[in-house]
């Protein structure tokens, strides 16, 4: 089902700048190709705002399907800031997403800065809340990042990209991180912030001292794609996988299935936890509530920490 693509040509004070197909095309080659391929563009009142004709967007007949909306920002503080604004004003629905050409203050886990150069994918995706009984709902709460990671890994695998999940919120290729996930929940709304190194990645010297693994990008792994094209494919395939797999499973069934996509399953790794010594343990798989099952002297479950393969990267 074709997504409705809307370029936001209005400002929101402090977090969003108006943009157009021309300004986005000038940001880089891959975005210029996307703007040209999807055009011609027409400027219309924003249909999801629905009140003021002052808020305009650019739309194209090539994206006039009834699928989820993809809201395109030229520049914003972070796609999560933009998405939460629209969610709180009831202007986004399940499966809609916000994608930015650039972010000025992208964020990752523990409020760390997420570098957001033009050419990489910066997107926030509004996911549906699984309709389950209250006991299972509590378990799903701890699985939200893993659920998103699993769907993305499976979608990448369908594109012949050998991605793996790294507990609790990263995606790896060749033992190097190329994507990160940050999930925020407010009431019934689940927002997944996704950053994917498409064209660029920080070299080892710019990584945090406590970073568990070095970085890479899709381009560095020989995968030729562009941010908007990649997201349209991931969003469509991810939605299908979510609806056919996640919504049909219990939390326990999900973690057993997701274990197959986990990096270093059954292997001994180094585990670094806050305010504790680094130690070695074998990864046994995920716990039903999203923790990581490990075996050191005996089996245990951890809920925070960074993993590093013993063999290096």
Protein backbone atom coordinates (compact mmCIF):
# COMPACT_ATOMS: atom_id res chain seq x y z
CA UNK A 1 0.00 0.00 0.00
CA UNK A 2 1.50 3.33 -1.06
CA UNK A 3 2.40 5.74 1.69
CA UNK A 4 1.20 9.33 1.70
CA UNK A 5 4.35 11.50 1.67
CA UNK A 6 4.04 15.08 2.95
CA UNK A 7 6.90 17.61 3.12
CA UNK A 8 6.22 19.99 6.02
CA UNK A 9 6.36 23.57 4.78
CA UNK A 10 5.56 25.30 8.06
CA UNK A 11 7.49 26.18 11.19
CA UNK A 12 6.98 25.05 14.73
CA UNK A 13 8.86 27.31 17.11
CA UNK A 14 11.96 25.76 18.63
CA UNK A 15 11.83 22.38 16.88
CA UNK A 16 10.78 22.45 13.19
CA UNK A 17 11.77 24.54 10.16
CA UNK A 18 9.63 24.85 7.03
CA UNK A 19 10.94 23.06 3.98
CA UNK A 20 10.14 22.31 0.34
CA UNK A 21 11.14 19.82 -2.36
CA UNK A 22 13.71 22.32 -3.66
CA UNK A 23 15.40 22.94 -0.31
CA UNK A 24 15.48 19.21 0.44
CA UNK A 25 16.91 18.45 -3.03
CA UNK A 26 19.76 20.86 -2.33
CA UNK A 27 20.77 18.94 0.81
CA UNK A 28 22.38 16.04 -1.02
CA UNK A 29 22.42 13.73 -4.02
CA UNK A 30 20.19 10.96 -2.67
CA UNK A 31 17.54 13.41 -1.49
CA UNK A 32 17.65 15.24 -4.83
CA UNK A 33 17.07 11.95 -6.64
CA UNK A 34 14.11 11.14 -4.37
CA UNK A 35 12.53 14.57 -4.87
CA UNK A 36 12.91 14.34 -8.65
CA UNK A 37 11.62 10.78 -8.84
CA UNK A 38 8.52 11.47 -6.74
CA UNK A 39 7.64 14.82 -8.38
CA UNK A 40 5.95 16.84 -9.61
CA UNK A 41 5.03 18.23 -6.20
CA UNK A 42 1.96 20.29 -5.32
CA UNK A 43 1.60 22.62 -2.34
CA UNK A 44 -1.64 21.99 -0.42
CA UNK A 45 -3.12 22.72 3.03
CA UNK A 46 -1.90 20.11 5.50
CA UNK A 47 -4.68 17.49 5.61
CA UNK A 48 -3.64 16.12 8.99
CA UNK A 49 -3.79 19.57 10.63
CA UNK A 50 -7.23 20.25 9.25
CA UNK A 51 -7.85 23.69 10.80
CA UNK A 52 -5.61 26.44 9.46
CA UNK A 53 -4.84 26.87 5.78
CA UNK A 54 -1.62 28.59 6.83
CA UNK A 55 -0.04 25.21 7.48
CA UNK A 56 0.98 23.91 4.08
CA UNK A 57 2.65 20.74 2.87
CA UNK A 58 4.03 19.48 -0.42
CA UNK A 59 2.35 16.37 -1.77
CA UNK A 60 2.66 14.29 -4.92
CA UNK A 61 0.33 12.02 -6.84
CA UNK A 62 3.03 9.35 -6.71
CA UNK A 63 2.38 9.08 -2.96
CA UNK A 64 -1.38 9.46 -2.93
CA UNK A 65 -2.18 6.00 -1.56
CA UNK A 66 -4.19 5.23 1.55
CA UNK A 67 -1.21 3.89 3.44
CA UNK A 68 0.34 5.45 6.55
CA UNK A 69 1.57 9.04 6.32
CA UNK A 70 5.28 9.82 6.07
CA UNK A 71 5.90 13.40 7.26
CA UNK A 72 9.18 14.75 5.87
CA UNK A 73 11.14 17.48 7.69
CA UNK A 74 14.04 19.31 6.15
CA UNK A 75 15.53 20.21 9.52
CA UNK A 76 14.26 19.67 13.06
CA UNK A 77 15.63 19.24 16.56
CA UNK A 78 14.66 15.56 16.46
CA UNK A 79 11.99 13.56 14.71
CA UNK A 80 10.74 12.46 18.15
CA UNK A 81 10.06 16.09 19.11
CA UNK A 82 8.07 16.59 15.90
CA UNK A 83 6.21 13.30 16.22
CA UNK A 84 5.19 13.88 19.84
CA UNK A 85 3.86 17.31 18.87
CA UNK A 86 1.58 15.80 16.23
CA UNK A 87 0.62 12.84 18.42
CA UNK A 88 -0.39 15.08 21.29
CA UNK A 89 -2.52 17.13 18.89
CA UNK A 90 -4.12 13.94 17.48
CA UNK A 91 -2.55 14.51 14.07
CA UNK A 92 -0.71 11.19 13.76
CA UNK A 93 -2.08 7.66 13.69
CA UNK A 94 -0.61 4.20 14.15
CA UNK A 95 2.07 3.44 11.54
CA UNK A 96 2.55 7.11 10.58
CA UNK A 97 6.16 8.31 10.74
CA UNK A 98 8.29 11.45 10.76
CA UNK A 99 11.56 11.43 8.79
CA UNK A 100 14.14 14.23 8.76
CA UNK A 101 16.89 15.14 6.33
CA UNK A 102 18.87 16.40 9.34
CA UNK A 103 18.44 16.58 13.10
CA UNK A 104 20.15 19.23 15.19
CA UNK A 105 19.76 17.49 18.57
CA UNK A 106 19.08 13.82 17.86
CA UNK A 107 19.06 11.67 20.97
CA UNK A 108 19.81 8.07 21.81
CA UNK A 109 19.65 5.91 24.90
CA UNK A 110 20.23 7.62 28.27
CA UNK A 111 19.83 11.01 26.53
CA UNK A 112 23.11 10.59 24.67
CA UNK A 113 23.65 12.62 21.50
CA UNK A 114 22.90 10.75 18.26
CA UNK A 115 24.93 12.13 15.36
CA UNK A 116 22.56 12.93 12.48
CA UNK A 117 24.41 13.84 9.27
CA UNK A 118 22.59 14.31 5.99
CA UNK A 119 22.50 11.00 4.15
CA UNK A 120 21.61 8.86 7.15
CA UNK A 121 18.09 7.82 8.17
CA UNK A 122 16.49 9.64 11.10
CA UNK A 123 12.88 8.58 11.67
CA UNK A 124 10.25 8.21 14.39
CA UNK A 125 7.52 5.60 13.94
CA UNK A 126 4.21 5.51 15.80
CA UNK A 127 3.50 1.87 16.66
CA UNK A 128 0.18 0.36 17.77
CA UNK A 129 -0.23 -0.93 21.30
CA UNK A 130 -0.81 -4.70 21.28
CA UNK A 131 -4.34 -5.50 22.46
CA UNK A 132 -3.68 -8.04 25.21
CA UNK A 133 -4.83 -8.81 28.73
CA UNK A 134 -3.35 -6.67 31.56
CA UNK A 135 -0.86 -9.33 32.68
CA UNK A 136 0.64 -9.66 29.20
CA UNK A 137 0.57 -5.88 28.72
CA UNK A 138 3.06 -5.47 31.57
CA UNK A 139 5.41 -7.96 29.91
CA UNK A 140 5.11 -6.26 26.51
CA UNK A 141 6.18 -2.97 28.11
CA UNK A 142 9.68 -4.38 28.58
CA UNK A 143 9.82 -5.73 25.05
CA UNK A 144 9.03 -2.59 23.04
CA UNK A 145 12.61 -1.82 21.88
CA UNK A 146 13.25 -5.51 21.19
CA UNK A 147 9.98 -5.79 19.30
CA UNK A 148 10.99 -2.85 17.07
CA UNK A 149 14.48 -4.26 16.58
CA UNK A 150 13.14 -7.68 15.66
CA UNK A 151 10.77 -6.24 13.04
CA UNK A 152 13.55 -4.14 11.51
CA UNK A 153 16.01 -7.04 11.45
CA UNK A 154 13.49 -9.28 9.72
CA UNK A 155 12.70 -6.51 7.23
CA UNK A 156 16.43 -6.05 6.54
CA UNK A 157 16.87 -9.81 6.15
CA UNK A 158 14.15 -9.79 3.49
CA UNK A 159 16.32 -7.23 1.67
CA UNK A 160 19.28 -9.66 1.92
CA UNK A 161 20.95 -7.46 4.55
CA UNK A 162 22.51 -9.75 7.21
CA UNK A 163 21.40 -7.73 10.23
CA UNK A 164 21.33 -9.04 13.79
CA UNK A 165 19.76 -7.71 16.99
CA UNK A 166 22.10 -6.64 19.78
CA UNK A 167 20.31 -6.58 23.10
CA UNK A 168 18.66 -4.33 24.04
CA UNK A 169 18.35 -1.73 21.26
CA UNK A 170 20.98 -1.91 18.50
CA UNK A 171 21.32 -3.53 15.08
CA UNK A 172 24.61 -5.04 13.94
CA UNK A 173 26.34 -6.20 10.80
CA UNK A 174 29.69 -7.92 10.98
CA UNK A 175 29.72 -7.21 14.75
CA UNK A 176 29.49 -3.47 14.06
CA UNK A 177 26.59 -1.20 14.98
CA UNK A 178 24.72 0.41 12.10
CA UNK A 179 21.42 1.30 13.76
CA UNK A 180 20.00 2.26 17.13
CA UNK A 181 16.49 2.34 18.57
CA UNK A 182 14.98 4.56 21.26
CA UNK A 183 11.41 3.79 22.31
CA UNK A 184 9.34 6.26 24.32
CA UNK A 185 5.85 5.60 25.65
CA UNK A 186 3.33 8.19 26.75
CA UNK A 187 0.00 6.72 27.78
CA UNK A 188 -1.33 4.56 24.95
CA UNK A 189 1.23 5.86 22.43
CA UNK A 190 4.44 4.02 21.54
CA UNK A 191 6.99 6.02 19.53
CA UNK A 192 10.09 4.30 18.16
CA UNK A 193 12.97 6.59 17.26
CA UNK A 194 15.21 4.86 14.71
CA UNK A 195 18.62 6.00 13.54
CA UNK A 196 20.30 4.09 10.71
CA UNK A 197 23.79 4.79 9.36
CA UNK A 198 23.04 4.73 5.65
CA UNK A 199 25.95 6.73 4.23
CA UNK A 200 28.02 7.83 7.23
CA UNK A 201 29.22 6.50 10.56
CA UNK A 202 31.49 7.79 13.31
CA UNK A 203 34.99 6.38 13.14
CA UNK A 204 36.37 4.49 16.12
CA UNK A 205 38.16 7.60 17.47
CA UNK A 206 34.82 9.46 17.83
CA UNK A 207 32.99 6.66 19.61
CA UNK A 208 32.36 6.90 23.34
CA UNK A 209 35.03 5.34 25.50
CA UNK A 210 32.46 2.92 26.91
CA UNK A 211 30.96 2.05 23.52
CA UNK A 212 30.44 -1.69 23.28
CA UNK A 213 31.14 -2.14 19.56
CA UNK A 214 32.47 0.05 16.73
CA UNK A 215 30.16 1.50 14.10
CA UNK A 216 29.58 0.94 10.42
CA UNK A 217 27.15 2.04 7.71
CA UNK A 218 25.16 0.34 4.99
CA UNK A 219 27.37 2.01 2.39
CA UNK A 220 30.51 0.71 4.10
CA UNK A 221 29.01 -2.78 3.93
CA UNK A 222 28.43 -2.45 0.18
CA UNK A 223 24.68 -1.75 0.41
CA UNK A 224 23.54 1.03 -1.91
CA UNK A 225 20.35 2.74 -0.76
CA UNK A 226 18.97 6.16 0.18
CA UNK A 227 17.21 7.33 3.38
CA UNK A 228 13.68 7.86 2.05
CA UNK A 229 13.70 4.80 -0.22
CA UNK A 230 15.01 2.65 2.61
CA UNK A 231 12.39 3.88 5.03
CA UNK A 232 9.48 3.31 2.66
CA UNK A 233 10.60 -0.30 2.24
CA UNK A 234 11.26 -0.89 5.95
CA UNK A 235 7.97 0.72 7.00
CA UNK A 236 5.90 -1.35 4.57
CA UNK A 237 7.59 -4.66 5.30
CA UNK A 238 7.85 -3.93 9.02
CA UNK A 239 4.12 -3.25 9.28
CA UNK A 240 3.34 -6.57 7.59
CA UNK A 241 5.72 -8.45 9.89
CA UNK A 242 4.34 -6.73 12.97
CA UNK A 243 0.76 -7.55 12.08
CA UNK A 244 1.45 -11.15 11.03
CA UNK A 245 3.87 -12.07 13.83
CA UNK A 246 3.90 -9.76 16.84
CA UNK A 247 0.16 -9.31 17.25
CA UNK A 248 -0.39 -13.07 17.02
CA UNK A 249 2.17 -14.03 19.71
CA UNK A 250 2.40 -14.04 23.48
CA UNK A 251 5.47 -12.36 24.99
CA UNK A 252 7.07 -15.75 25.63
CA UNK A 253 6.43 -16.88 22.04
CA UNK A 254 7.88 -13.61 20.80
CA UNK A 255 11.15 -13.87 22.74
CA UNK A 256 11.68 -17.45 21.58
CA UNK A 257 11.25 -16.32 17.98
CA UNK A 258 13.37 -13.19 18.46
CA UNK A 259 16.21 -15.21 20.02
CA UNK A 260 16.93 -16.52 16.51
CA UNK A 261 17.80 -12.98 15.40
CA UNK A 262 20.03 -12.20 18.39
CA UNK A 263 23.75 -11.58 18.00
CA UNK A 264 26.08 -13.93 19.91
CA UNK A 265 23.41 -16.40 21.03
CA UNK A 266 25.05 -19.21 23.01
CA UNK A 267 28.40 -17.43 22.94
CA UNK A 268 30.50 -16.02 25.75
CA UNK A 269 30.65 -12.19 25.74
CA UNK A 270 31.94 -9.40 27.95
CA UNK A 271 29.24 -7.54 29.86
CA UNK A 272 29.81 -4.01 31.12
CA UNK A 273 27.31 -2.65 33.66
CA UNK A 274 27.19 0.74 35.42
CA UNK A 275 29.26 0.89 38.61
CA UNK A 276 30.39 -2.74 38.28
CA UNK A 277 33.37 -4.70 37.01
CA UNK A 278 33.28 -6.10 33.47
CA UNK A 279 32.60 -9.82 33.50
CA UNK A 280 32.24 -12.74 31.10
CA UNK A 281 29.00 -14.67 30.61
CA UNK A 282 27.21 -16.80 28.03
CA UNK A 283 24.09 -15.35 26.35
CA UNK A 284 21.15 -17.71 26.80
CA UNK A 285 18.45 -15.56 25.21
CA UNK A 286 15.84 -13.03 26.19
CA UNK A 287 13.63 -13.21 29.24
CA UNK A 288 9.87 -12.90 28.84
CA UNK A 289 9.93 -9.38 30.30
CA UNK A 290 12.74 -8.11 28.05
CA UNK A 291 15.72 -8.83 30.27
CA UNK A 292 18.73 -10.78 29.03
CA UNK A 293 19.25 -14.33 30.28
CA UNK A 294 22.92 -15.06 30.89
CA UNK A 295 24.99 -17.76 32.54
CA UNK A 296 28.00 -16.81 34.62
CA UNK A 297 28.43 -19.09 37.63
CA UNK A 298 24.69 -19.72 37.43
CA UNK A 299 21.82 -18.50 35.28
CA UNK A 300 20.69 -14.90 35.86
CA UNK A 301 18.73 -12.12 34.17
CA UNK A 302 20.14 -8.61 33.64
CA UNK A 303 18.22 -5.49 32.63
CA UNK A 304 21.01 -3.08 31.75
CA UNK A 305 24.51 -3.26 30.39
CA UNK A 306 26.61 -3.25 27.23
CA UNK A 307 27.69 -6.39 25.42
CA UNK A 308 31.01 -6.91 23.66
CA UNK A 309 32.10 -10.07 21.83
CA UNK A 310 35.22 -11.74 23.19
CA UNK A 311 36.54 -12.19 19.67
CA UNK A 312 36.59 -8.43 19.00
CA UNK A 313 35.27 -6.71 15.88
